[in-house]
Amino acid sequence: MQNIYFYVMLGSVFFSVFLVILFAGLPKVVKAKDKKRIDKLSYYEMPYSKKEKKIPSFFERMVLPVLGKIAGLTKNLSPSNISENTKRKLELAGVYERVSIDMYLALKLLF
């Protein structure tokens, strides 16, 4: 019977020491993780160096070349006055600098 009380007391001492170490060390661990997290986030804010090459997006690699080919076909198949009228309409809309006539006609043909 005395052996059981001994083991219960020994277990409770180990458990209480474990809890003290856990709650005393937990703030230090959390602060260290926050610092690492901030370091990781600051990596993404840094501008690219000249040595690193930026990988183009899927849109730039796949979609734009296909649209460029369709734009060339559209330009060849459409009458000349359509491109002039479209240019005037894009200028009036205020998007002529951002959208080329060929791309606009290709998108219009697709959709």
N, C-alpha and C. Protein backbone atom coordinates (compact mmCIF):
# COMPACT_ATOMS: atom_id res chain seq x y z
N MET A 1 0.81 -1.18 0.00
CA MET A 1 0.00 0.00 0.00
C MET A 1 0.86 1.27 0.00
N GLN A 2 1.97 1.22 0.72
CA GLN A 2 2.86 2.37 0.77
C GLN A 2 3.55 2.60 -0.56
N ASN A 3 3.77 1.52 -1.33
CA ASN A 3 4.39 1.67 -2.66
C ASN A 3 3.49 2.47 -3.60
N ILE A 4 2.21 2.29 -3.49
CA ILE A 4 1.27 3.02 -4.35
C ILE A 4 1.33 4.51 -4.04
N TYR A 5 1.33 4.89 -2.76
CA TYR A 5 1.42 6.30 -2.38
C TYR A 5 2.74 6.91 -2.84
N PHE A 6 3.80 6.13 -2.75
CA PHE A 6 5.11 6.60 -3.20
C PHE A 6 5.08 6.92 -4.69
N TYR A 7 4.51 6.01 -5.49
CA TYR A 7 4.46 6.23 -6.94
C TYR A 7 3.52 7.37 -7.31
N VAL A 8 2.44 7.53 -6.58
CA VAL A 8 1.53 8.65 -6.84
C VAL A 8 2.22 9.97 -6.52
N MET A 9 2.94 10.03 -5.40
CA MET A 9 3.65 11.26 -5.04
C MET A 9 4.77 11.54 -6.04
N LEU A 10 5.50 10.50 -6.43
CA LEU A 10 6.58 10.67 -7.41
C LEU A 10 6.01 11.15 -8.74
N GLY A 11 4.90 10.59 -9.19
CA GLY A 11 4.25 11.02 -10.44
C GLY A 11 3.77 12.44 -10.37
N SER A 12 3.17 12.84 -9.23
CA SER A 12 2.69 14.21 -9.10
C SER A 12 3.84 15.21 -9.07
N VAL A 13 4.99 14.85 -8.48
CA VAL A 13 6.15 15.73 -8.48
C VAL A 13 6.67 15.91 -9.90
N PHE A 14 6.80 14.82 -10.65
CA PHE A 14 7.26 14.92 -12.04
C PHE A 14 6.28 15.73 -12.88
N PHE A 15 4.99 15.51 -12.67
CA PHE A 15 3.98 16.24 -13.42
C PHE A 15 4.03 17.74 -13.11
N SER A 16 4.20 18.10 -11.85
CA SER A 16 4.26 19.52 -11.49
C SER A 16 5.53 20.17 -12.02
N VAL A 17 6.67 19.44 -11.99
CA VAL A 17 7.90 19.97 -12.58
C VAL A 17 7.73 20.16 -14.08
N PHE A 18 7.07 19.23 -14.73
CA PHE A 18 6.78 19.34 -16.17
C PHE A 18 5.95 20.58 -16.46
N LEU A 19 4.91 20.82 -15.67
CA LEU A 19 4.06 21.99 -15.88
C LEU A 19 4.82 23.30 -15.66
N VAL A 20 5.69 23.34 -14.65
CA VAL A 20 6.48 24.56 -14.39
C VAL A 20 7.41 24.83 -15.57
N ILE A 21 8.08 23.80 -16.05
CA ILE A 21 9.00 23.98 -17.18
C ILE A 21 8.22 24.38 -18.43
N LEU A 22 7.05 23.77 -18.63
CA LEU A 22 6.24 24.08 -19.81
C LEU A 22 5.80 25.54 -19.80
N PHE A 23 5.24 26.00 -18.70
CA PHE A 23 4.73 27.37 -18.66
C PHE A 23 5.84 28.41 -18.54
N ALA A 24 6.99 28.04 -18.03
CA ALA A 24 8.10 28.98 -17.96
C ALA A 24 8.78 29.11 -19.33
N GLY A 25 8.84 28.02 -20.07
CA GLY A 25 9.54 28.04 -21.36
C GLY A 25 8.67 28.39 -22.54
N LEU A 26 7.36 28.31 -22.38
CA LEU A 26 6.46 28.56 -23.50
C LEU A 26 6.57 29.98 -24.06
N PRO A 27 6.64 31.03 -23.26
CA PRO A 27 6.77 32.38 -23.84
C PRO A 27 8.04 32.55 -24.67
N LYS A 28 9.12 31.93 -24.27
CA LYS A 28 10.37 32.04 -25.03
C LYS A 28 10.24 31.36 -26.38
N VAL A 29 9.57 30.22 -26.40
CA VAL A 29 9.39 29.48 -27.66
C VAL A 29 8.49 30.27 -28.60
N VAL A 30 7.43 30.85 -28.07
CA VAL A 30 6.50 31.62 -28.90
C VAL A 30 7.19 32.84 -29.48
N LYS A 31 7.99 33.55 -28.69
CA LYS A 31 8.71 34.71 -29.21
C LYS A 31 9.69 34.32 -30.30
N ALA A 32 10.36 33.19 -30.14
CA ALA A 32 11.30 32.74 -31.15
C ALA A 32 10.58 32.40 -32.45
N LYS A 33 9.39 31.80 -32.36
CA LYS A 33 8.63 31.47 -33.57
C LYS A 33 8.15 32.73 -34.27
N ASP A 34 7.72 33.73 -33.50
CA ASP A 34 7.27 34.98 -34.10
C ASP A 34 8.41 35.67 -34.83
N LYS A 35 9.60 35.63 -34.25
CA LYS A 35 10.76 36.26 -34.89
C LYS A 35 11.10 35.54 -36.19
N LYS A 36 11.02 34.21 -36.18
CA LYS A 36 11.29 33.47 -37.41
C LYS A 36 10.24 33.78 -38.46
N ARG A 37 8.99 33.92 -38.04
CA ARG A 37 7.90 34.21 -38.97
C ARG A 37 8.10 35.58 -39.60
N ILE A 38 8.54 36.56 -38.82
CA ILE A 38 8.79 37.89 -39.35
C ILE A 38 9.95 37.86 -40.33
N ASP A 39 10.98 37.06 -40.02
CA ASP A 39 12.10 36.94 -40.94
C ASP A 39 11.65 36.33 -42.26
N LYS A 40 10.76 35.35 -42.21
CA LYS A 40 10.27 34.74 -43.44
C LYS A 40 9.45 35.73 -44.24
N LEU A 41 8.63 36.54 -43.59
CA LEU A 41 7.82 37.51 -44.29
C LEU A 41 8.67 38.61 -44.91
N SER A 42 9.74 39.00 -44.24
CA SER A 42 10.58 40.05 -44.80
C SER A 42 11.30 39.58 -46.06
N TYR A 43 11.44 38.29 -46.24
CA TYR A 43 12.05 37.76 -47.46
C TYR A 43 11.23 38.15 -48.67
N TYR A 44 9.90 38.12 -48.54
CA TYR A 44 9.05 38.40 -49.68
C TYR A 44 8.96 39.88 -50.01
N GLU A 45 9.33 40.74 -49.09
CA GLU A 45 9.27 42.17 -49.34
C GLU A 45 10.51 42.68 -50.06
N MET A 46 11.57 41.91 -50.06
CA MET A 46 12.81 42.36 -50.67
C MET A 46 12.68 42.33 -52.19
N PRO A 47 13.18 43.34 -52.88
CA PRO A 47 13.11 43.32 -54.34
C PRO A 47 14.07 42.26 -54.90
N TYR A 48 13.77 41.82 -56.09
CA TYR A 48 14.61 40.82 -56.73
C TYR A 48 15.97 41.42 -57.06
N SER A 49 16.98 40.65 -56.89
CA SER A 49 18.30 41.11 -57.28
C SER A 49 18.50 40.81 -58.76
N LYS A 50 19.58 41.35 -59.31
CA LYS A 50 19.83 41.14 -60.74
C LYS A 50 20.18 39.70 -61.04
N LYS A 51 20.72 38.99 -60.06
CA LYS A 51 21.11 37.60 -60.28
C LYS A 51 19.91 36.67 -60.37
N GLU A 52 18.85 36.99 -59.63
CA GLU A 52 17.67 36.14 -59.62
C GLU A 52 16.77 36.52 -60.79
N LYS A 53 16.27 35.52 -61.48
CA LYS A 53 15.37 35.76 -62.59
C LYS A 53 13.94 35.54 -62.12
N LYS A 54 13.06 36.45 -62.50
CA LYS A 54 11.66 36.31 -62.16
C LYS A 54 11.02 35.35 -63.15
N ILE A 55 10.33 34.35 -62.63
CA ILE A 55 9.66 33.38 -63.48
C ILE A 55 8.36 33.98 -63.96
N PRO A 56 8.13 34.03 -65.28
CA PRO A 56 6.89 34.62 -65.78
C PRO A 56 5.68 33.77 -65.39
N SER A 57 4.55 34.42 -65.27
CA SER A 57 3.33 33.72 -64.87
C SER A 57 2.81 32.86 -66.02
N PHE A 58 1.83 32.02 -65.71
CA PHE A 58 1.21 31.16 -66.71
C PHE A 58 0.59 32.01 -67.81
N PHE A 59 -0.04 33.10 -67.42
CA PHE A 59 -0.68 33.99 -68.40
C PHE A 59 0.35 34.54 -69.39
N GLU A 60 1.50 34.96 -68.88
CA GLU A 60 2.53 35.52 -69.75
C GLU A 60 3.18 34.46 -70.63
N ARG A 61 3.31 33.23 -70.11
CA ARG A 61 3.97 32.18 -70.87
C ARG A 61 3.07 31.50 -71.88
N MET A 62 1.80 31.30 -71.56
CA MET A 62 0.94 30.48 -72.40
C MET A 62 -0.17 31.27 -73.10
N VAL A 63 -0.86 32.11 -72.35
CA VAL A 63 -2.05 32.76 -72.89
C VAL A 63 -1.69 33.89 -73.85
N LEU A 64 -0.75 34.74 -73.47
CA LEU A 64 -0.39 35.88 -74.33
C LEU A 64 0.15 35.45 -75.70
N PRO A 65 1.02 34.43 -75.81
CA PRO A 65 1.44 34.03 -77.16
C PRO A 65 0.30 33.51 -78.03
N VAL A 66 -0.62 32.77 -77.43
CA VAL A 66 -1.76 32.27 -78.21
C VAL A 66 -2.63 33.43 -78.66
N LEU A 67 -2.88 34.38 -77.76
CA LEU A 67 -3.66 35.55 -78.15
C LEU A 67 -2.95 36.37 -79.23
N GLY A 68 -1.62 36.42 -79.17
CA GLY A 68 -0.87 37.14 -80.20
C GLY A 68 -1.03 36.51 -81.57
N LYS A 69 -1.03 35.18 -81.63
CA LYS A 69 -1.24 34.49 -82.92
C LYS A 69 -2.66 34.71 -83.44
N ILE A 70 -3.63 34.64 -82.54
CA ILE A 70 -5.02 34.88 -82.95
C ILE A 70 -5.18 36.33 -83.40
N ALA A 71 -4.48 37.25 -82.73
CA ALA A 71 -4.55 38.66 -83.11
C ALA A 71 -3.99 38.87 -84.51
N GLY A 72 -2.91 38.19 -84.83
CA GLY A 72 -2.34 38.31 -86.17
C GLY A 72 -3.30 37.79 -87.23
N LEU A 73 -3.96 36.66 -86.96
CA LEU A 73 -4.94 36.13 -87.90
C LEU A 73 -6.14 37.07 -88.06
N THR A 74 -6.58 37.63 -86.95
CA THR A 74 -7.72 38.54 -86.98
C THR A 74 -7.38 39.78 -87.80
N LYS A 75 -6.17 40.28 -87.64
CA LYS A 75 -5.75 41.47 -88.38
C LYS A 75 -5.70 41.18 -89.88
N ASN A 76 -5.23 39.99 -90.25
CA ASN A 76 -5.15 39.65 -91.66
C ASN A 76 -6.53 39.43 -92.28
N LEU A 77 -7.48 38.92 -91.51
CA LEU A 77 -8.79 38.60 -92.05
C LEU A 77 -9.77 39.78 -92.01
N SER A 78 -9.51 40.75 -91.19
CA SER A 78 -10.47 41.86 -91.06
C SER A 78 -10.16 42.97 -92.07
N PRO A 79 -11.19 43.69 -92.48
CA PRO A 79 -10.97 44.83 -93.38
C PRO A 79 -10.21 45.95 -92.67
N SER A 80 -9.58 46.81 -93.44
CA SER A 80 -8.72 47.85 -92.85
C SER A 80 -9.52 48.90 -92.08
N ASN A 81 -10.74 49.17 -92.50
CA ASN A 81 -11.50 50.20 -91.81
C ASN A 81 -11.96 49.76 -90.42
N ILE A 82 -12.03 48.47 -90.17
CA ILE A 82 -12.42 47.99 -88.83
C ILE A 82 -11.33 48.35 -87.82
N SER A 83 -10.08 48.19 -88.19
CA SER A 83 -9.01 48.51 -87.25
C SER A 83 -8.96 50.01 -86.96
N GLU A 84 -9.24 50.84 -87.96
CA GLU A 84 -9.27 52.28 -87.74
C GLU A 84 -10.44 52.67 -86.84
N ASN A 85 -11.60 52.09 -87.08
CA ASN A 85 -12.77 52.38 -86.23
C ASN A 85 -12.54 51.89 -84.80
N THR A 86 -11.94 50.73 -84.67
CA THR A 86 -11.67 50.18 -83.35
C THR A 86 -10.66 51.05 -82.60
N LYS A 87 -9.65 51.54 -83.32
CA LYS A 87 -8.67 52.43 -82.70
C LYS A 87 -9.34 53.68 -82.16
N ARG A 88 -10.25 54.25 -82.94
CA ARG A 88 -10.97 55.45 -82.52
C ARG A 88 -11.83 55.17 -81.30
N LYS A 89 -12.51 54.02 -81.28
CA LYS A 89 -13.36 53.65 -80.15
C LYS A 89 -12.54 53.42 -78.88
N LEU A 90 -11.38 52.78 -79.03
CA LEU A 90 -10.51 52.55 -77.86
C LEU A 90 -9.95 53.86 -77.32
N GLU A 91 -9.63 54.79 -78.22
CA GLU A 91 -9.15 56.11 -77.77
C GLU A 91 -10.24 56.85 -77.02
N LEU A 92 -11.47 56.78 -77.52
CA LEU A 92 -12.58 57.45 -76.84
C LEU A 92 -12.87 56.81 -75.49
N ALA A 93 -12.67 55.50 -75.39
CA ALA A 93 -12.89 54.81 -74.12
C ALA A 93 -11.76 55.07 -73.13
N GLY A 94 -10.60 55.52 -73.63
CA GLY A 94 -9.48 55.82 -72.75
C GLY A 94 -8.62 54.62 -72.40
N VAL A 95 -8.71 53.55 -73.18
CA VAL A 95 -7.93 52.35 -72.90
C VAL A 95 -6.97 52.01 -74.04
N TYR A 96 -6.75 52.95 -74.93
CA TYR A 96 -5.89 52.67 -76.09
C TYR A 96 -4.45 52.38 -75.67
N GLU A 97 -3.95 53.01 -74.59
CA GLU A 97 -2.58 52.79 -74.15
C GLU A 97 -2.41 51.40 -73.54
N ARG A 98 -3.46 50.87 -72.94
CA ARG A 98 -3.35 49.59 -72.24
C ARG A 98 -3.68 48.39 -73.12
N VAL A 99 -4.53 48.57 -74.12
CA VAL A 99 -4.98 47.46 -74.95
C VAL A 99 -4.65 47.78 -76.40
N SER A 100 -3.95 46.84 -77.05
CA SER A 100 -3.67 47.05 -78.47
C SER A 100 -4.89 46.68 -79.30
N ILE A 101 -4.94 47.20 -80.50
CA ILE A 101 -6.08 46.94 -81.38
C ILE A 101 -6.15 45.46 -81.72
N ASP A 102 -4.99 44.87 -81.99
CA ASP A 102 -4.97 43.45 -82.37
C ASP A 102 -5.50 42.56 -81.24
N MET A 103 -5.07 42.85 -80.01
CA MET A 103 -5.54 42.04 -78.87
C MET A 103 -7.04 42.22 -78.66
N TYR A 104 -7.50 43.45 -78.81
CA TYR A 104 -8.93 43.70 -78.62
C TYR A 104 -9.75 42.91 -79.65
N LEU A 105 -9.33 42.96 -80.92
CA LEU A 105 -10.05 42.23 -81.95
C LEU A 105 -9.97 40.72 -81.75
N ALA A 106 -8.82 40.24 -81.27
CA ALA A 106 -8.69 38.79 -81.02
C ALA A 106 -9.62 38.36 -79.88
N LEU A 107 -9.68 39.15 -78.82
CA LEU A 107 -10.58 38.82 -77.72
C LEU A 107 -12.03 38.92 -78.15
N LYS A 108 -12.33 39.88 -78.98
CA LYS A 108 -13.70 40.03 -79.48
C LYS A 108 -14.07 38.82 -80.34
N LEU A 109 -13.13 38.34 -81.15
CA LEU A 109 -13.38 37.16 -81.98
C LEU A 109 -13.59 35.92 -81.12
N LEU A 110 -12.78 35.77 -80.06
CA LEU A 110 -12.90 34.59 -79.20
C LEU A 110 -14.21 34.56 -78.43
N PHE A 111 -14.58 35.72 -77.90
CA PHE A 111 -15.77 35.73 -77.04
C PHE A 111 -17.01 36.12 -77.78
